[in-house]
Amino acid sequence: MSQLIIEMDSDEDEALLIQLLPRLNGRLVERKPIPHKEQLKDVLERIIQAGGAGESFGNPSEWQREIRSWDRVLDGREE
């Protein structure tokens, strides 16, 4: 006896396989639904529908000024 793990992409194919099991002397031992994995295109579409990602990053000029304010003055140079 052996056990197989089979992934089916469509419900129709799964139903057909289950119908064939008795003819092949097989039985369904356990059915585990696989949670839907979000595809990249779905994630990008959701970001676009929310108005894009640009607003969440803020103003790049302000960020650059803040980062440069952390710089120290190098020896031999005036501020």
PDB file of N, CA and C in Angstrom:
ATOM      1  N   MET A   1       0.843  -1.171   0.000  1.00  0.00           N
ATOM      2  CA  MET A   1       0.000   0.000   0.000  1.00  0.00           C
ATOM      3  C   MET A   1       0.892   1.239   0.000  1.00  0.00           C
ATOM      4  N   SER A   2       0.421   2.297  -0.633  1.00  0.00           N
ATOM      5  CA  SER A   2       1.150   3.558  -0.638  1.00  0.00           C
ATOM      6  C   SER A   2       0.165   4.709  -0.524  1.00  0.00           C
ATOM      7  N   GLN A   3       0.664   5.848  -0.084  1.00  0.00           N
ATOM      8  CA  GLN A   3      -0.144   7.054  -0.003  1.00  0.00           C
ATOM      9  C   GLN A   3       0.490   8.098  -0.891  1.00  0.00           C
ATOM     10  N   LEU A   4      -0.349   8.857  -1.555  1.00  0.00           N
ATOM     11  CA  LEU A   4       0.112   9.896  -2.467  1.00  0.00           C
ATOM     12  C   LEU A   4      -0.412  11.249  -1.996  1.00  0.00           C
ATOM     13  N   ILE A   5       0.378  12.266  -2.197  1.00  0.00           N
ATOM     14  CA  ILE A   5      -0.064  13.643  -1.971  1.00  0.00           C
ATOM     15  C   ILE A   5      -0.176  14.276  -3.339  1.00  0.00           C
ATOM     16  N   ILE A   6      -1.371  14.721  -3.688  1.00  0.00           N
ATOM     17  CA  ILE A   6      -1.632  15.250  -5.026  1.00  0.00           C
ATOM     18  C   ILE A   6      -2.217  16.649  -4.893  1.00  0.00           C
ATOM     19  N   GLU A   7      -1.687  17.582  -5.657  1.00  0.00           N
ATOM     20  CA  GLU A   7      -2.249  18.934  -5.726  1.00  0.00           C
ATOM     21  C   GLU A   7      -3.066  19.051  -6.999  1.00  0.00           C
ATOM     22  N   MET A   8      -4.248  19.608  -6.872  1.00  0.00           N
ATOM     23  CA  MET A   8      -5.118  19.811  -8.026  1.00  0.00           C
ATOM     24  C   MET A   8      -5.365  21.302  -8.187  1.00  0.00           C
ATOM     25  N   ASP A   9      -5.279  21.782  -9.410  1.00  0.00           N
ATOM     26  CA  ASP A   9      -5.473  23.206  -9.661  1.00  0.00           C
ATOM     27  C   ASP A   9      -6.942  23.591  -9.793  1.00  0.00           C
ATOM     28  N   SER A  10      -7.789  22.643 -10.167  1.00  0.00           N
ATOM     29  CA  SER A  10      -9.195  23.001 -10.353  1.00  0.00           C
ATOM     30  C   SER A  10     -10.096  22.023  -9.609  1.00  0.00           C
ATOM     31  N   ASP A  11     -11.245  22.515  -9.214  1.00  0.00           N
ATOM     32  CA  ASP A  11     -12.219  21.682  -8.519  1.00  0.00           C
ATOM     33  C   ASP A  11     -12.751  20.578  -9.424  1.00  0.00           C
ATOM     34  N   GLU A  12     -12.848  20.863 -10.717  1.00  0.00           N
ATOM     35  CA  GLU A  12     -13.349  19.860 -11.668  1.00  0.00           C
ATOM     36  C   GLU A  12     -12.400  18.664 -11.748  1.00  0.00           C
ATOM     37  N   ASP A  13     -11.095  18.939 -11.799  1.00  0.00           N
ATOM     38  CA  ASP A  13     -10.117  17.856 -11.854  1.00  0.00           C
ATOM     39  C   ASP A  13     -10.142  17.030 -10.562  1.00  0.00           C
ATOM     40  N   GLU A  14     -10.318  17.714  -9.433  1.00  0.00           N
ATOM     41  CA  GLU A  14     -10.384  17.008  -8.154  1.00  0.00           C
ATOM     42  C   GLU A  14     -11.604  16.099  -8.102  1.00  0.00           C
ATOM     43  N   ALA A  15     -12.749  16.598  -8.567  1.00  0.00           N
ATOM     44  CA  ALA A  15     -13.969  15.781  -8.573  1.00  0.00           C
ATOM     45  C   ALA A  15     -13.798  14.555  -9.468  1.00  0.00           C
ATOM     46  N   LEU A  16     -13.163  14.736 -10.610  1.00  0.00           N
ATOM     47  CA  LEU A  16     -12.932  13.611 -11.518  1.00  0.00           C
ATOM     48  C   LEU A  16     -12.033  12.560 -10.868  1.00  0.00           C
ATOM     49  N   LEU A  17     -10.986  12.994 -10.203  1.00  0.00           N
ATOM     50  CA  LEU A  17     -10.083  12.066  -9.528  1.00  0.00           C
ATOM     51  C   LEU A  17     -10.805  11.291  -8.426  1.00  0.00           C
ATOM     52  N   ILE A  18     -11.635  11.974  -7.654  1.00  0.00           N
ATOM     53  CA  ILE A  18     -12.372  11.309  -6.580  1.00  0.00           C
ATOM     54  C   ILE A  18     -13.352  10.286  -7.155  1.00  0.00           C
ATOM     55  N   GLN A  19     -13.945  10.581  -8.308  1.00  0.00           N
ATOM     56  CA  GLN A  19     -14.839   9.624  -8.962  1.00  0.00           C
ATOM     57  C   GLN A  19     -14.076   8.379  -9.428  1.00  0.00           C
ATOM     58  N   LEU A  20     -12.826   8.544  -9.804  1.00  0.00           N
ATOM     59  CA  LEU A  20     -12.030   7.418 -10.296  1.00  0.00           C
ATOM     60  C   LEU A  20     -11.470   6.530  -9.189  1.00  0.00           C
ATOM     61  N   LEU A  21     -11.382   7.033  -7.987  1.00  0.00           N
ATOM     62  CA  LEU A  21     -10.768   6.270  -6.893  1.00  0.00           C
ATOM     63  C   LEU A  21     -11.389   4.891  -6.682  1.00  0.00           C
ATOM     64  N   PRO A  22     -12.711   4.738  -6.621  1.00  0.00           N
ATOM     65  CA  PRO A  22     -13.263   3.397  -6.414  1.00  0.00           C
ATOM     66  C   PRO A  22     -12.911   2.415  -7.536  1.00  0.00           C
ATOM     67  N   ARG A  23     -12.842   2.890  -8.759  1.00  0.00           N
ATOM     68  CA  ARG A  23     -12.492   2.015  -9.882  1.00  0.00           C
ATOM     69  C   ARG A  23     -11.045   1.553  -9.805  1.00  0.00           C
ATOM     70  N   LEU A  24     -10.208   2.341  -9.119  1.00  0.00           N
ATOM     71  CA  LEU A  24      -8.792   2.003  -8.982  1.00  0.00           C
ATOM     72  C   LEU A  24      -8.490   1.363  -7.628  1.00  0.00           C
ATOM     73  N   ASN A  25      -9.526   0.955  -6.908  1.00  0.00           N
ATOM     74  CA  ASN A  25      -9.396   0.383  -5.571  1.00  0.00           C
ATOM     75  C   ASN A  25      -8.686   1.346  -4.621  1.00  0.00           C
ATOM     76  N   GLY A  26      -9.000   2.616  -4.754  1.00  0.00           N
ATOM     77  CA  GLY A  26      -8.408   3.638  -3.890  1.00  0.00           C
ATOM     78  C   GLY A  26      -9.480   4.265  -3.028  1.00  0.00           C
ATOM     79  N   ARG A  27      -9.050   4.995  -2.037  1.00  0.00           N
ATOM     80  CA  ARG A  27      -9.980   5.696  -1.165  1.00  0.00           C
ATOM     81  C   ARG A  27      -9.333   7.001  -0.707  1.00  0.00           C
ATOM     82  N   LEU A  28     -10.182   7.923  -0.371  1.00  0.00           N
ATOM     83  CA  LEU A  28      -9.712   9.211   0.127  1.00  0.00           C
ATOM     84  C   LEU A  28      -9.496   9.085   1.624  1.00  0.00           C
ATOM     85  N   VAL A  29      -8.266   9.246   2.076  1.00  0.00           N
ATOM     86  CA  VAL A  29      -7.929   9.106   3.492  1.00  0.00           C
ATOM     87  C   VAL A  29      -8.119  10.434   4.214  1.00  0.00           C
ATOM     88  N   GLU A  30      -7.638  11.515   3.621  1.00  0.00           N
ATOM     89  CA  GLU A  30      -7.696  12.823   4.267  1.00  0.00           C
ATOM     90  C   GLU A  30      -7.690  13.903   3.195  1.00  0.00           C
ATOM     91  N   ARG A  31      -8.453  14.944   3.414  1.00  0.00           N
ATOM     92  CA  ARG A  31      -8.491  16.077   2.486  1.00  0.00           C
ATOM     93  C   ARG A  31      -8.093  17.322   3.264  1.00  0.00           C
ATOM     94  N   LYS A  32      -6.997  17.951   2.822  1.00  0.00           N
ATOM     95  CA  LYS A  32      -6.517  19.182   3.451  1.00  0.00           C
ATOM     96  C   LYS A  32      -6.581  20.301   2.427  1.00  0.00           C
ATOM     97  N   PRO A  33      -7.439  21.273   2.632  1.00  0.00           N
ATOM     98  CA  PRO A  33      -7.430  22.413   1.712  1.00  0.00           C
ATOM     99  C   PRO A  33      -6.167  23.243   1.919  1.00  0.00           C
ATOM    100  N   ILE A  34      -5.553  23.643   0.842  1.00  0.00           N
ATOM    101  CA  ILE A  34      -4.346  24.463   0.901  1.00  0.00           C
ATOM    102  C   ILE A  34      -4.781  25.922   0.888  1.00  0.00           C
ATOM    103  N   PRO A  35      -4.306  26.722   1.854  1.00  0.00           N
ATOM    104  CA  PRO A  35      -4.688  28.135   1.861  1.00  0.00           C
ATOM    105  C   PRO A  35      -4.198  28.826   0.583  1.00  0.00           C
ATOM    106  N   HIS A  36      -5.017  29.750   0.110  1.00  0.00           N
ATOM    107  CA  HIS A  36      -4.694  30.473  -1.121  1.00  0.00           C
ATOM    108  C   HIS A  36      -3.479  31.368  -0.885  1.00  0.00           C
ATOM    109  N   LYS A  37      -2.452  31.205  -1.719  1.00  0.00           N
ATOM    110  CA  LYS A  37      -1.277  32.064  -1.648  1.00  0.00           C
ATOM    111  C   LYS A  37      -1.516  33.253  -2.566  1.00  0.00           C
ATOM    112  N   GLU A  38      -1.292  34.422  -2.018  1.00  0.00           N
ATOM    113  CA  GLU A  38      -1.516  35.626  -2.793  1.00  0.00           C
ATOM    114  C   GLU A  38      -0.421  35.768  -3.852  1.00  0.00           C
ATOM    115  N   GLN A  39      -0.820  35.996  -5.073  1.00  0.00           N
ATOM    116  CA  GLN A  39       0.116  36.146  -6.177  1.00  0.00           C
ATOM    117  C   GLN A  39       0.636  37.582  -6.208  1.00  0.00           C
ATOM    118  N   LEU A  40       1.812  37.763  -6.802  1.00  0.00           N
ATOM    119  CA  LEU A  40       2.414  39.090  -6.893  1.00  0.00           C
ATOM    120  C   LEU A  40       1.483  40.066  -7.602  1.00  0.00           C
ATOM    121  N   LYS A  41       0.830  39.608  -8.657  1.00  0.00           N
ATOM    122  CA  LYS A  41      -0.064  40.515  -9.397  1.00  0.00           C
ATOM    123  C   LYS A  41      -1.215  40.981  -8.513  1.00  0.00           C
ATOM    124  N   ASP A  42      -1.691  40.109  -7.599  1.00  0.00           N
ATOM    125  CA  ASP A  42      -2.760  40.497  -6.683  1.00  0.00           C
ATOM    126  C   ASP A  42      -2.278  41.542  -5.684  1.00  0.00           C
ATOM    127  N   VAL A  43      -1.056  41.364  -5.200  1.00  0.00           N
ATOM    128  CA  VAL A  43      -0.479  42.325  -4.252  1.00  0.00           C
ATOM    129  C   VAL A  43      -0.295  43.680  -4.923  1.00  0.00           C
ATOM    130  N   LEU A  44       0.252  43.676  -6.134  1.00  0.00           N
ATOM    131  CA  LEU A  44       0.462  44.937  -6.850  1.00  0.00           C
ATOM    132  C   LEU A  44      -0.865  45.624  -7.156  1.00  0.00           C
ATOM    133  N   GLU A  45      -1.867  44.857  -7.534  1.00  0.00           N
ATOM    134  CA  GLU A  45      -3.184  45.428  -7.819  1.00  0.00           C
ATOM    135  C   GLU A  45      -3.771  46.078  -6.564  1.00  0.00           C
ATOM    136  N   ARG A  46      -3.594  45.424  -5.414  1.00  0.00           N
ATOM    137  CA  ARG A  46      -4.099  45.975  -4.155  1.00  0.00           C
ATOM    138  C   ARG A  46      -3.377  47.282  -3.815  1.00  0.00           C
ATOM    139  N   ILE A  47      -2.070  47.344  -4.052  1.00  0.00           N
ATOM    140  CA  ILE A  47      -1.300  48.570  -3.794  1.00  0.00           C
ATOM    141  C   ILE A  47      -1.765  49.690  -4.706  1.00  0.00           C
ATOM    142  N   ILE A  48      -1.992  49.360  -5.966  1.00  0.00           N
ATOM    143  CA  ILE A  48      -2.453  50.366  -6.929  1.00  0.00           C
ATOM    144  C   ILE A  48      -3.831  50.886  -6.535  1.00  0.00           C
ATOM    145  N   GLN A  49      -4.738  49.990  -6.139  1.00  0.00           N
ATOM    146  CA  GLN A  49      -6.087  50.392  -5.741  1.00  0.00           C
ATOM    147  C   GLN A  49      -6.073  51.277  -4.495  1.00  0.00           C
ATOM    148  N   ALA A  50      -5.058  51.091  -3.647  1.00  0.00           N
ATOM    149  CA  ALA A  50      -4.949  51.896  -2.428  1.00  0.00           C
ATOM    150  C   ALA A  50      -4.285  53.249  -2.688  1.00  0.00           C
ATOM    151  N   GLY A  51      -3.922  53.534  -3.921  1.00  0.00           N
ATOM    152  CA  GLY A  51      -3.328  54.827  -4.240  1.00  0.00           C
ATOM    153  C   GLY A  51      -1.837  54.769  -4.454  1.00  0.00           C
ATOM    154  N   GLY A  52      -1.248  53.601  -4.473  1.00  0.00           N
ATOM    155  CA  GLY A  52       0.179  53.461  -4.724  1.00  0.00           C
ATOM    156  C   GLY A  52       0.989  53.490  -3.442  1.00  0.00           C
ATOM    157  N   ALA A  53       2.274  53.259  -3.601  1.00  0.00           N
ATOM    158  CA  ALA A  53       3.166  53.180  -2.441  1.00  0.00           C
ATOM    159  C   ALA A  53       3.899  54.488  -2.195  1.00  0.00           C
ATOM    160  N   GLY A  54       3.821  55.437  -3.114  1.00  0.00           N
ATOM    161  CA  GLY A  54       4.588  56.672  -3.007  1.00  0.00           C
ATOM    162  C   GLY A  54       4.302  57.479  -1.761  1.00  0.00           C
ATOM    163  N   GLU A  55       3.057  57.559  -1.357  1.00  0.00           N
ATOM    164  CA  GLU A  55       2.686  58.368  -0.193  1.00  0.00           C
ATOM    165  C   GLU A  55       3.274  57.818   1.098  1.00  0.00           C
ATOM    166  N   SER A  56       3.456  56.516   1.173  1.00  0.00           N
ATOM    167  CA  SER A  56       3.942  55.930   2.424  1.00  0.00           C
ATOM    168  C   SER A  56       5.413  56.249   2.673  1.00  0.00           C
ATOM    169  N   PHE A  57       6.141  56.665   1.644  1.00  0.00           N
ATOM    170  CA  PHE A  57       7.567  56.952   1.807  1.00  0.00           C
ATOM    171  C   PHE A  57       7.833  58.393   2.177  1.00  0.00           C
ATOM    172  N   GLY A  58       6.902  59.277   1.962  1.00  0.00           N
ATOM    173  CA  GLY A  58       7.083  60.679   2.315  1.00  0.00           C
ATOM    174  C   GLY A  58       7.858  61.435   1.247  1.00  0.00           C
ATOM    175  N   ASN A  59       8.335  62.620   1.631  1.00  0.00           N
ATOM    176  CA  ASN A  59       9.040  63.501   0.716  1.00  0.00           C
ATOM    177  C   ASN A  59      10.517  63.121   0.681  1.00  0.00           C
ATOM    178  N   PRO A  60      11.058  62.743  -0.491  1.00  0.00           N
ATOM    179  CA  PRO A  60      12.452  62.340  -0.562  1.00  0.00           C
ATOM    180  C   PRO A  60      13.426  63.468  -0.222  1.00  0.00           C
ATOM    181  N   SER A  61      13.068  64.704  -0.530  1.00  0.00           N
ATOM    182  CA  SER A  61      13.961  65.828  -0.213  1.00  0.00           C
ATOM    183  C   SER A  61      14.105  66.009   1.288  1.00  0.00           C
ATOM    184  N   GLU A  62      13.002  65.870   2.013  1.00  0.00           N
ATOM    185  CA  GLU A  62      13.069  65.982   3.467  1.00  0.00           C
ATOM    186  C   GLU A  62      13.913  64.859   4.055  1.00  0.00           C
ATOM    187  N   TRP A  63      13.753  63.665   3.538  1.00  0.00           N
ATOM    188  CA  TRP A  63      14.538  62.527   4.021  1.00  0.00           C
ATOM    189  C   TRP A  63      16.029  62.776   3.799  1.00  0.00           C
ATOM    190  N   GLN A  64      16.379  63.284   2.609  1.00  0.00           N
ATOM    191  CA  GLN A  64      17.780  63.535   2.296  1.00  0.00           C
ATOM    192  C   GLN A  64      18.361  64.609   3.209  1.00  0.00           C
ATOM    193  N   ARG A  65      17.603  65.687   3.471  1.00  0.00           N
ATOM    194  CA  ARG A  65      18.090  66.733   4.380  1.00  0.00           C
ATOM    195  C   ARG A  65      18.311  66.176   5.780  1.00  0.00           C
ATOM    196  N   GLU A  66      17.395  65.326   6.238  1.00  0.00           N
ATOM    197  CA  GLU A  66      17.550  64.745   7.571  1.00  0.00           C
ATOM    198  C   GLU A  66      18.789  63.849   7.639  1.00  0.00           C
ATOM    199  N   ILE A  67      18.989  63.024   6.648  1.00  0.00           N
ATOM    200  CA  ILE A  67      20.131  62.120   6.634  1.00  0.00           C
ATOM    201  C   ILE A  67      21.437  62.908   6.587  1.00  0.00           C
ATOM    202  N   ARG A  68      21.467  63.953   5.780  1.00  0.00           N
ATOM    203  CA  ARG A  68      22.695  64.758   5.682  1.00  0.00           C
ATOM    204  C   ARG A  68      22.975  65.524   6.961  1.00  0.00           C
ATOM    205  N   SER A  69      21.961  65.803   7.760  1.00  0.00           N
ATOM    206  CA  SER A  69      22.187  66.522   9.021  1.00  0.00           C
ATOM    207  C   SER A  69      22.966  65.648  10.011  1.00  0.00           C
ATOM    208  N   TRP A  70      22.978  64.355   9.794  1.00  0.00           N
ATOM    209  CA  TRP A  70      23.723  63.446  10.666  1.00  0.00           C
ATOM    210  C   TRP A  70      25.213  63.419  10.327  1.00  0.00           C
ATOM    211  N   ASP A  71      25.571  63.902   9.144  1.00  0.00           N
ATOM    212  CA  ASP A  71      26.972  63.864   8.720  1.00  0.00           C
ATOM    213  C   ASP A  71      27.831  64.728   9.641  1.00  0.00           C
ATOM    214  N   ARG A  72      29.039  64.273   9.855  1.00  0.00           N
ATOM    215  CA  ARG A  72      29.961  65.075  10.658  1.00  0.00           C
ATOM    216  C   ARG A  72      30.851  65.874   9.704  1.00  0.00           C
ATOM    217  N   VAL A  73      31.396  66.957  10.210  1.00  0.00           N
ATOM    218  CA  VAL A  73      32.296  67.793   9.425  1.00  0.00           C
ATOM    219  C   VAL A  73      33.649  67.091   9.367  1.00  0.00           C
ATOM    220  N   LEU A  74      34.200  66.948   8.171  1.00  0.00           N
ATOM    221  CA  LEU A  74      35.489  66.294   8.012  1.00  0.00           C
ATOM    222  C   LEU A  74      36.615  67.240   8.435  1.00  0.00           C
ATOM    223  N   ASP A  75      37.713  66.677   8.887  1.00  0.00           N
ATOM    224  CA  ASP A  75      38.865  67.480   9.304  1.00  0.00           C
ATOM    225  C   ASP A  75      39.349  68.321   8.136  1.00  0.00           C
ATOM    226  N   GLY A  76      39.645  69.577   8.423  1.00  0.00           N
ATOM    227  CA  GLY A  76      40.156  70.495   7.418  1.00  0.00           C
ATOM    228  C   GLY A  76      39.079  71.146   6.574  1.00  0.00           C
ATOM    229  N   ARG A  77      37.837  70.873   6.864  1.00  0.00           N
ATOM    230  CA  ARG A  77      36.740  71.497   6.116  1.00  0.00           C
ATOM    231  C   ARG A  77      35.869  72.279   7.063  1.00  0.00           C
ATOM    232  N   GLU A  78      35.355  73.379   6.566  1.00  0.00           N
ATOM    233  CA  GLU A  78      34.444  74.184   7.353  1.00  0.00           C
ATOM    234  C   GLU A  78      33.017  73.852   6.976  1.00  0.00           C
ATOM    235  N   GLU A  79      32.144  74.088   7.894  1.00  0.00           N
ATOM    236  CA  GLU A  79      30.740  73.801   7.636  1.00  0.00           C
ATOM    237  C   GLU A  79      30.092  74.849   6.797  1.00  0.00           C
TER     238      GLU A  79
END
